[in-house]
Structures are given as structure tokens and as C-alpha cells.
């Protein structure tokens, strides 16, 4: 079961260098094993709206939830203390600490290109690493 980080989704949405790698990964796993946080959805929206590519956001929502069937998870206000603790412990920004705590809470593997997770106990995997395993 995998928590896909924001940067991975942006690779495919923006058709960046590693988009094909992520597409292959998505085809190799069950859609019921793919999760995204509400924070990632909002971050993607902010990024795409700033870039004036509003339709790409709506396409992402349609494709991710209706077509692929990924599952949305969220943290509760009571989880914020954990985010602070993880941020201080591993020197993570809020967004990375949020993802880390969500992955802990739901027992998910973090899938990301962000090396900041490598400073943590959970670390992270890339889509390519998971396809090779």
C-alpha cells in the first residue's frame, strides 16, 4: 500500500522527465493500493492554478479518483502535534512531515522523489525501485 507524494503526481500531470516511470508503476499495482493525502490534492491545485493550468487540475481529479480509483486520506487536528514532532525530529518541512505522519497513521510506504524522507526511519521508495522489487 502506497502513499504517493505530491512531486510524483506533478511529474505525470506536467509530463516531466519521470512521468513514464510513474505511469508504468501505476499499471503494475492495484489501484486500491494507491493513496493520496488531502494536503497533496490541495498542493497540486495550488501549483496548477498558479501556473494558470486550471483544466489540468480538474483532469487530475477526474483521472485519479474516477478513472484510477485512488483513495484519499487525511489527518485530523489531533494529528498536528505528531506533525510538529516529526518535523523537529527529522528536520522536515510541514508538507513532508504531513506526508510522513499520514504514512505512519495508515501504514503506507512513501513513494516520492523527495530525498528529505531519506533522513527518516521510514525513508521513501521511488516508483522504479518498487517495480524492481
N, C-alpha and C. Protein backbone atom coordinates (compact mmCIF):
# COMPACT_ATOMS: atom_id res chain seq x y z
N UNK A 1 0.85 -1.16 0.00
CA UNK A 1 0.00 0.00 0.00
C UNK A 1 0.90 1.24 0.00
N UNK A 2 0.56 2.19 -0.86
CA UNK A 2 1.48 3.26 -1.18
C UNK A 2 0.85 4.65 -1.03
N UNK A 3 1.58 5.54 -0.37
CA UNK A 3 1.21 6.95 -0.30
C UNK A 3 2.06 7.67 -1.35
N UNK A 4 1.40 8.16 -2.38
CA UNK A 4 2.10 8.83 -3.47
C UNK A 4 2.23 10.31 -3.13
N UNK A 5 3.47 10.78 -3.07
CA UNK A 5 3.77 12.16 -2.71
C UNK A 5 3.42 13.11 -3.84
N UNK A 6 3.24 14.35 -3.50
CA UNK A 6 2.85 15.40 -4.44
C UNK A 6 3.76 15.46 -5.66
N UNK A 7 5.08 15.38 -5.42
CA UNK A 7 6.02 15.54 -6.54
C UNK A 7 5.87 14.44 -7.59
N UNK A 8 5.44 13.27 -7.18
CA UNK A 8 5.23 12.18 -8.13
C UNK A 8 4.04 12.50 -9.04
N UNK A 9 2.94 12.96 -8.44
CA UNK A 9 1.77 13.32 -9.23
C UNK A 9 2.09 14.44 -10.20
N UNK A 10 2.86 15.42 -9.76
CA UNK A 10 3.19 16.54 -10.64
C UNK A 10 4.05 16.08 -11.83
N UNK A 11 4.85 15.06 -11.63
CA UNK A 11 5.64 14.50 -12.75
C UNK A 11 4.72 14.10 -13.90
N UNK A 12 3.66 13.40 -13.56
CA UNK A 12 2.77 12.90 -14.61
C UNK A 12 1.86 14.01 -15.14
N UNK A 13 1.35 14.85 -14.26
CA UNK A 13 0.45 15.92 -14.69
C UNK A 13 1.16 16.89 -15.63
N UNK A 14 2.40 17.22 -15.29
CA UNK A 14 3.17 18.19 -16.08
C UNK A 14 4.03 17.53 -17.15
N UNK A 15 3.87 16.23 -17.29
CA UNK A 15 4.61 15.45 -18.30
C UNK A 15 6.10 15.72 -18.22
N UNK A 16 6.63 15.55 -17.01
CA UNK A 16 8.05 15.79 -16.77
C UNK A 16 8.87 14.52 -17.03
N UNK A 17 10.13 14.60 -16.73
CA UNK A 17 11.13 13.58 -17.05
C UNK A 17 10.75 12.16 -16.61
N UNK A 18 10.20 12.01 -15.41
CA UNK A 18 9.93 10.68 -14.88
C UNK A 18 8.46 10.28 -14.98
N UNK A 19 7.70 10.94 -15.81
CA UNK A 19 6.27 10.66 -15.96
C UNK A 19 6.03 9.23 -16.42
N UNK A 20 6.78 8.76 -17.38
CA UNK A 20 6.59 7.40 -17.90
C UNK A 20 6.87 6.35 -16.84
N UNK A 21 7.88 6.61 -16.03
CA UNK A 21 8.21 5.68 -14.93
C UNK A 21 7.01 5.53 -13.99
N UNK A 22 6.38 6.65 -13.66
CA UNK A 22 5.23 6.59 -12.76
C UNK A 22 4.03 5.93 -13.43
N UNK A 23 3.83 6.18 -14.71
CA UNK A 23 2.73 5.52 -15.43
C UNK A 23 2.91 4.00 -15.40
N UNK A 24 4.13 3.54 -15.61
CA UNK A 24 4.41 2.10 -15.56
C UNK A 24 4.14 1.55 -14.16
N UNK A 25 4.54 2.31 -13.16
CA UNK A 25 4.29 1.89 -11.78
C UNK A 25 2.79 1.75 -11.53
N UNK A 26 2.01 2.76 -11.96
CA UNK A 26 0.56 2.71 -11.76
C UNK A 26 -0.06 1.48 -12.42
N UNK A 27 0.46 1.10 -13.56
CA UNK A 27 -0.06 -0.08 -14.26
C UNK A 27 0.35 -1.38 -13.58
N UNK A 28 1.39 -1.34 -12.76
CA UNK A 28 1.91 -2.56 -12.14
C UNK A 28 1.29 -2.87 -10.77
N UNK A 29 0.49 -1.95 -10.23
CA UNK A 29 -0.10 -2.14 -8.91
C UNK A 29 -1.62 -1.96 -8.97
N UNK A 30 -2.27 -2.53 -8.00
CA UNK A 30 -3.72 -2.38 -7.90
C UNK A 30 -4.06 -0.95 -7.49
N UNK A 31 -5.07 -0.38 -8.13
CA UNK A 31 -5.47 0.99 -7.78
C UNK A 31 -5.92 1.10 -6.33
N UNK A 32 -6.39 0.00 -5.75
CA UNK A 32 -6.82 0.04 -4.35
C UNK A 32 -5.65 0.17 -3.38
N UNK A 33 -4.42 0.05 -3.89
CA UNK A 33 -3.24 0.19 -3.04
C UNK A 33 -2.60 1.58 -3.14
N UNK A 34 -3.25 2.49 -3.89
CA UNK A 34 -2.71 3.83 -4.11
C UNK A 34 -3.50 4.85 -3.28
N UNK A 35 -2.77 5.64 -2.51
CA UNK A 35 -3.38 6.65 -1.64
C UNK A 35 -2.74 8.01 -1.89
N UNK A 36 -3.52 9.05 -1.63
CA UNK A 36 -3.05 10.43 -1.71
C UNK A 36 -3.65 11.17 -0.51
N UNK A 37 -2.89 12.12 0.02
CA UNK A 37 -3.43 12.91 1.13
C UNK A 37 -4.21 14.10 0.58
N UNK A 38 -5.12 14.58 1.40
CA UNK A 38 -5.84 15.80 1.05
C UNK A 38 -4.86 16.95 0.86
N UNK A 39 -3.78 16.95 1.64
CA UNK A 39 -2.78 18.01 1.52
C UNK A 39 -2.14 17.99 0.13
N UNK A 40 -1.86 16.80 -0.40
CA UNK A 40 -1.28 16.70 -1.75
C UNK A 40 -2.26 17.22 -2.79
N UNK A 41 -3.53 16.89 -2.64
CA UNK A 41 -4.53 17.38 -3.60
C UNK A 41 -4.55 18.90 -3.61
N UNK A 42 -4.54 19.50 -2.43
CA UNK A 42 -4.55 20.96 -2.35
C UNK A 42 -3.25 21.55 -2.91
N UNK A 43 -2.13 20.93 -2.61
CA UNK A 43 -0.84 21.41 -3.12
C UNK A 43 -0.79 21.35 -4.63
N UNK A 44 -1.30 20.29 -5.20
CA UNK A 44 -1.36 20.16 -6.66
C UNK A 44 -2.24 21.26 -7.23
N UNK A 45 -3.39 21.48 -6.60
CA UNK A 45 -4.28 22.55 -7.04
C UNK A 45 -3.61 23.91 -7.00
N UNK A 46 -2.92 24.21 -5.92
CA UNK A 46 -2.23 25.49 -5.79
C UNK A 46 -1.18 25.64 -6.90
N UNK A 47 -0.40 24.60 -7.10
CA UNK A 47 0.66 24.65 -8.13
C UNK A 47 0.07 24.87 -9.52
N UNK A 48 -0.97 24.12 -9.85
CA UNK A 48 -1.54 24.22 -11.19
C UNK A 48 -2.30 25.53 -11.40
N UNK A 49 -2.99 26.00 -10.38
CA UNK A 49 -3.70 27.28 -10.51
C UNK A 49 -2.70 28.43 -10.66
N UNK A 50 -1.60 28.38 -9.91
CA UNK A 50 -0.57 29.42 -10.06
C UNK A 50 -0.01 29.44 -11.48
N UNK A 51 0.08 28.25 -12.07
CA UNK A 51 0.58 28.14 -13.44
C UNK A 51 -0.48 28.38 -14.48
N UNK A 52 -1.67 28.77 -14.02
CA UNK A 52 -2.79 29.07 -14.92
C UNK A 52 -3.19 27.86 -15.77
N UNK A 53 -3.03 26.67 -15.20
CA UNK A 53 -3.46 25.47 -15.91
C UNK A 53 -4.55 24.76 -15.09
N UNK A 54 -5.64 25.50 -14.93
CA UNK A 54 -6.77 25.06 -14.13
C UNK A 54 -7.36 23.75 -14.64
N UNK A 55 -7.45 23.61 -15.95
CA UNK A 55 -8.05 22.39 -16.52
C UNK A 55 -7.23 21.16 -16.18
N UNK A 56 -5.92 21.32 -16.05
CA UNK A 56 -5.07 20.17 -15.70
C UNK A 56 -5.44 19.66 -14.30
N UNK A 57 -5.82 20.58 -13.41
CA UNK A 57 -6.24 20.16 -12.07
C UNK A 57 -7.53 19.35 -12.13
N UNK A 58 -8.49 19.84 -12.89
CA UNK A 58 -9.76 19.12 -13.00
C UNK A 58 -9.56 17.77 -13.69
N UNK A 59 -8.69 17.72 -14.68
CA UNK A 59 -8.37 16.45 -15.34
C UNK A 59 -7.74 15.48 -14.34
N UNK A 60 -6.83 15.99 -13.52
CA UNK A 60 -6.19 15.16 -12.50
C UNK A 60 -7.23 14.58 -11.54
N UNK A 61 -8.12 15.41 -11.04
CA UNK A 61 -9.16 14.95 -10.11
C UNK A 61 -10.00 13.86 -10.76
N UNK A 62 -10.45 14.11 -11.98
CA UNK A 62 -11.26 13.12 -12.69
C UNK A 62 -10.49 11.82 -12.90
N UNK A 63 -9.28 11.94 -13.40
CA UNK A 63 -8.50 10.74 -13.72
C UNK A 63 -8.11 9.96 -12.47
N UNK A 64 -7.63 10.66 -11.46
CA UNK A 64 -7.12 9.99 -10.26
C UNK A 64 -8.24 9.31 -9.47
N UNK A 65 -9.35 9.98 -9.31
CA UNK A 65 -10.39 9.44 -8.44
C UNK A 65 -11.44 8.63 -9.20
N UNK A 66 -11.88 9.10 -10.35
CA UNK A 66 -12.94 8.39 -11.08
C UNK A 66 -12.38 7.27 -11.95
N UNK A 67 -11.27 7.54 -12.65
CA UNK A 67 -10.73 6.54 -13.56
C UNK A 67 -9.81 5.54 -12.86
N UNK A 68 -8.83 6.04 -12.12
CA UNK A 68 -7.85 5.16 -11.48
C UNK A 68 -8.41 4.60 -10.17
N UNK A 69 -9.14 5.41 -9.44
CA UNK A 69 -9.72 4.95 -8.19
C UNK A 69 -8.79 5.04 -6.99
N UNK A 70 -7.88 6.03 -7.00
CA UNK A 70 -7.02 6.18 -5.83
C UNK A 70 -7.87 6.61 -4.64
N UNK A 71 -7.29 6.40 -3.46
CA UNK A 71 -8.04 6.67 -2.23
C UNK A 71 -7.45 7.87 -1.49
N UNK A 72 -8.35 8.72 -1.03
CA UNK A 72 -7.97 9.95 -0.33
C UNK A 72 -7.91 9.69 1.17
N UNK A 73 -6.82 10.16 1.78
CA UNK A 73 -6.70 10.07 3.24
C UNK A 73 -6.42 11.46 3.78
N UNK A 74 -6.69 11.63 5.06
CA UNK A 74 -6.45 12.93 5.69
C UNK A 74 -6.04 12.73 7.14
N UNK A 75 -5.45 13.76 7.67
CA UNK A 75 -5.11 13.78 9.08
C UNK A 75 -6.12 14.65 9.81
N UNK A 76 -6.27 14.37 11.07
CA UNK A 76 -7.20 15.11 11.92
C UNK A 76 -6.44 16.18 12.70
N UNK A 77 -7.15 17.17 13.25
CA UNK A 77 -6.47 18.20 14.04
C UNK A 77 -5.60 17.63 15.16
N UNK A 78 -6.02 16.52 15.74
CA UNK A 78 -5.24 15.92 16.82
C UNK A 78 -3.90 15.35 16.32
N UNK A 79 -3.75 15.18 15.03
CA UNK A 79 -2.50 14.67 14.45
C UNK A 79 -1.45 15.77 14.29
N UNK A 80 -1.84 17.02 14.45
CA UNK A 80 -0.91 18.14 14.22
C UNK A 80 0.28 18.11 15.17
N UNK A 81 0.07 17.64 16.39
CA UNK A 81 1.18 17.53 17.34
C UNK A 81 2.23 16.54 16.81
N UNK A 82 1.76 15.47 16.17
CA UNK A 82 2.69 14.49 15.58
C UNK A 82 3.47 15.12 14.43
N UNK A 83 2.79 15.95 13.64
CA UNK A 83 3.47 16.62 12.53
C UNK A 83 4.60 17.49 13.07
N UNK A 84 4.33 18.24 14.12
CA UNK A 84 5.36 19.08 14.74
C UNK A 84 6.52 18.23 15.23
N UNK A 85 6.22 17.16 15.92
CA UNK A 85 7.25 16.28 16.46
C UNK A 85 8.13 15.69 15.36
N UNK A 86 7.50 15.21 14.30
CA UNK A 86 8.24 14.61 13.18
C UNK A 86 9.07 15.67 12.46
N UNK A 87 8.51 16.85 12.29
CA UNK A 87 9.23 17.94 11.63
C UNK A 87 10.52 18.26 12.39
N UNK A 88 10.41 18.40 13.69
CA UNK A 88 11.58 18.73 14.51
C UNK A 88 12.57 17.56 14.56
N UNK A 89 12.06 16.37 14.68
CA UNK A 89 12.92 15.18 14.80
C UNK A 89 13.77 14.94 13.56
N UNK A 90 13.16 15.09 12.38
CA UNK A 90 13.86 14.76 11.13
C UNK A 90 14.18 15.99 10.27
N UNK A 91 13.91 17.18 10.81
CA UNK A 91 14.16 18.43 10.07
C UNK A 91 13.40 18.43 8.73
N UNK A 92 12.10 18.23 8.81
CA UNK A 92 11.25 18.20 7.62
C UNK A 92 10.37 19.44 7.56
N UNK A 93 10.07 19.90 6.36
CA UNK A 93 9.08 20.95 6.16
C UNK A 93 7.71 20.41 6.54
N UNK A 94 6.74 21.31 6.68
CA UNK A 94 5.38 20.90 7.06
C UNK A 94 4.83 19.86 6.10
N UNK A 95 4.98 20.10 4.79
CA UNK A 95 4.38 19.17 3.82
C UNK A 95 4.97 17.77 3.93
N UNK A 96 6.28 17.67 4.10
CA UNK A 96 6.90 16.35 4.24
C UNK A 96 6.51 15.69 5.56
N UNK A 97 6.45 16.48 6.63
CA UNK A 97 6.04 15.93 7.92
C UNK A 97 4.59 15.44 7.86
N UNK A 98 3.74 16.17 7.15
CA UNK A 98 2.34 15.75 6.97
C UNK A 98 2.29 14.40 6.27
N UNK A 99 3.03 14.28 5.18
CA UNK A 99 3.04 13.01 4.43
C UNK A 99 3.57 11.88 5.31
N UNK A 100 4.63 12.16 6.06
CA UNK A 100 5.23 11.14 6.92
C UNK A 100 4.23 10.64 7.96
N UNK A 101 3.57 11.57 8.64
CA UNK A 101 2.60 11.19 9.68
C UNK A 101 1.43 10.42 9.05
N UNK A 102 0.97 10.85 7.89
CA UNK A 102 -0.10 10.12 7.20
C UNK A 102 0.35 8.71 6.85
N UNK A 103 1.58 8.57 6.40
CA UNK A 103 2.07 7.22 6.06
C UNK A 103 2.16 6.35 7.30
N UNK A 104 2.52 6.92 8.43
CA UNK A 104 2.55 6.18 9.69
C UNK A 104 1.14 5.77 10.11
N UNK A 105 0.25 6.73 10.10
CA UNK A 105 -1.12 6.50 10.57
C UNK A 105 -1.82 5.40 9.78
N UNK A 106 -1.59 5.37 8.47
CA UNK A 106 -2.28 4.42 7.60
C UNK A 106 -1.39 3.26 7.16
N UNK A 107 -0.19 3.19 7.72
CA UNK A 107 0.77 2.11 7.44
C UNK A 107 1.04 1.97 5.93
N UNK A 108 1.49 3.06 5.33
CA UNK A 108 1.75 3.11 3.90
C UNK A 108 3.22 3.37 3.62
N UNK A 109 3.69 2.88 2.49
CA UNK A 109 5.03 3.17 2.00
C UNK A 109 5.00 4.51 1.28
N UNK A 110 5.93 5.39 1.60
CA UNK A 110 6.02 6.68 0.94
C UNK A 110 6.69 6.49 -0.42
N UNK A 111 6.01 6.94 -1.46
CA UNK A 111 6.57 6.91 -2.81
C UNK A 111 6.82 8.36 -3.20
N UNK A 112 8.11 8.69 -3.37
CA UNK A 112 8.48 10.09 -3.59
C UNK A 112 9.84 10.18 -4.25
N UNK A 113 10.08 11.32 -4.89
CA UNK A 113 11.40 11.65 -5.39
C UNK A 113 12.12 12.59 -4.41
N UNK A 114 11.46 12.96 -3.34
CA UNK A 114 11.98 13.89 -2.35
C UNK A 114 12.95 13.17 -1.40
N UNK A 115 14.20 13.51 -1.48
CA UNK A 115 15.23 12.85 -0.67
C UNK A 115 15.16 13.22 0.81
N UNK A 116 14.38 14.23 1.15
CA UNK A 116 14.25 14.59 2.57
C UNK A 116 13.72 13.41 3.39
N UNK A 117 12.93 12.56 2.78
CA UNK A 117 12.39 11.39 3.51
C UNK A 117 13.49 10.39 3.85
N UNK A 118 14.61 10.46 3.18
CA UNK A 118 15.71 9.53 3.45
C UNK A 118 16.35 9.78 4.82
N UNK A 119 16.06 10.93 5.41
CA UNK A 119 16.56 11.23 6.76
C UNK A 119 15.69 10.58 7.84
N UNK A 120 14.58 10.00 7.45
CA UNK A 120 13.63 9.44 8.41
C UNK A 120 13.81 7.93 8.54
N UNK A 121 13.14 7.38 9.52
CA UNK A 121 13.17 5.93 9.72
C UNK A 121 12.44 5.19 8.61
N UNK A 122 11.37 5.77 8.11
CA UNK A 122 10.57 5.12 7.06
C UNK A 122 11.24 5.19 5.70
N UNK A 123 12.02 6.26 5.51
CA UNK A 123 12.65 6.52 4.22
C UNK A 123 11.58 6.65 3.14
N UNK A 124 11.92 6.40 1.90
CA UNK A 124 10.96 6.51 0.79
C UNK A 124 11.42 5.55 -0.31
N UNK A 125 10.52 5.28 -1.21
CA UNK A 125 10.82 4.48 -2.39
C UNK A 125 10.44 5.30 -3.61
N UNK A 126 11.13 5.06 -4.71
CA UNK A 126 10.73 5.66 -5.98
C UNK A 126 9.89 4.65 -6.73
N UNK A 127 9.12 5.08 -7.70
CA UNK A 127 8.35 4.10 -8.48
C UNK A 127 9.24 3.03 -9.12
N UNK A 128 10.39 3.43 -9.61
CA UNK A 128 11.31 2.48 -10.24
C UNK A 128 11.79 1.44 -9.24
N UNK A 129 12.15 1.86 -8.05
CA UNK A 129 12.59 0.92 -7.01
C UNK A 129 11.51 -0.11 -6.70
N UNK A 130 10.27 0.33 -6.66
CA UNK A 130 9.18 -0.58 -6.33
C UNK A 130 8.90 -1.56 -7.46
N UNK A 131 9.13 -1.15 -8.68
CA UNK A 131 8.91 -2.06 -9.82
C UNK A 131 10.00 -3.12 -9.90
N UNK A 132 11.20 -2.80 -9.40
CA UNK A 132 12.32 -3.72 -9.45
C UNK A 132 12.21 -4.77 -8.35
N UNK A 133 11.59 -4.39 -7.22
CA UNK A 133 11.48 -5.31 -6.07
C UNK A 133 10.66 -6.54 -6.39
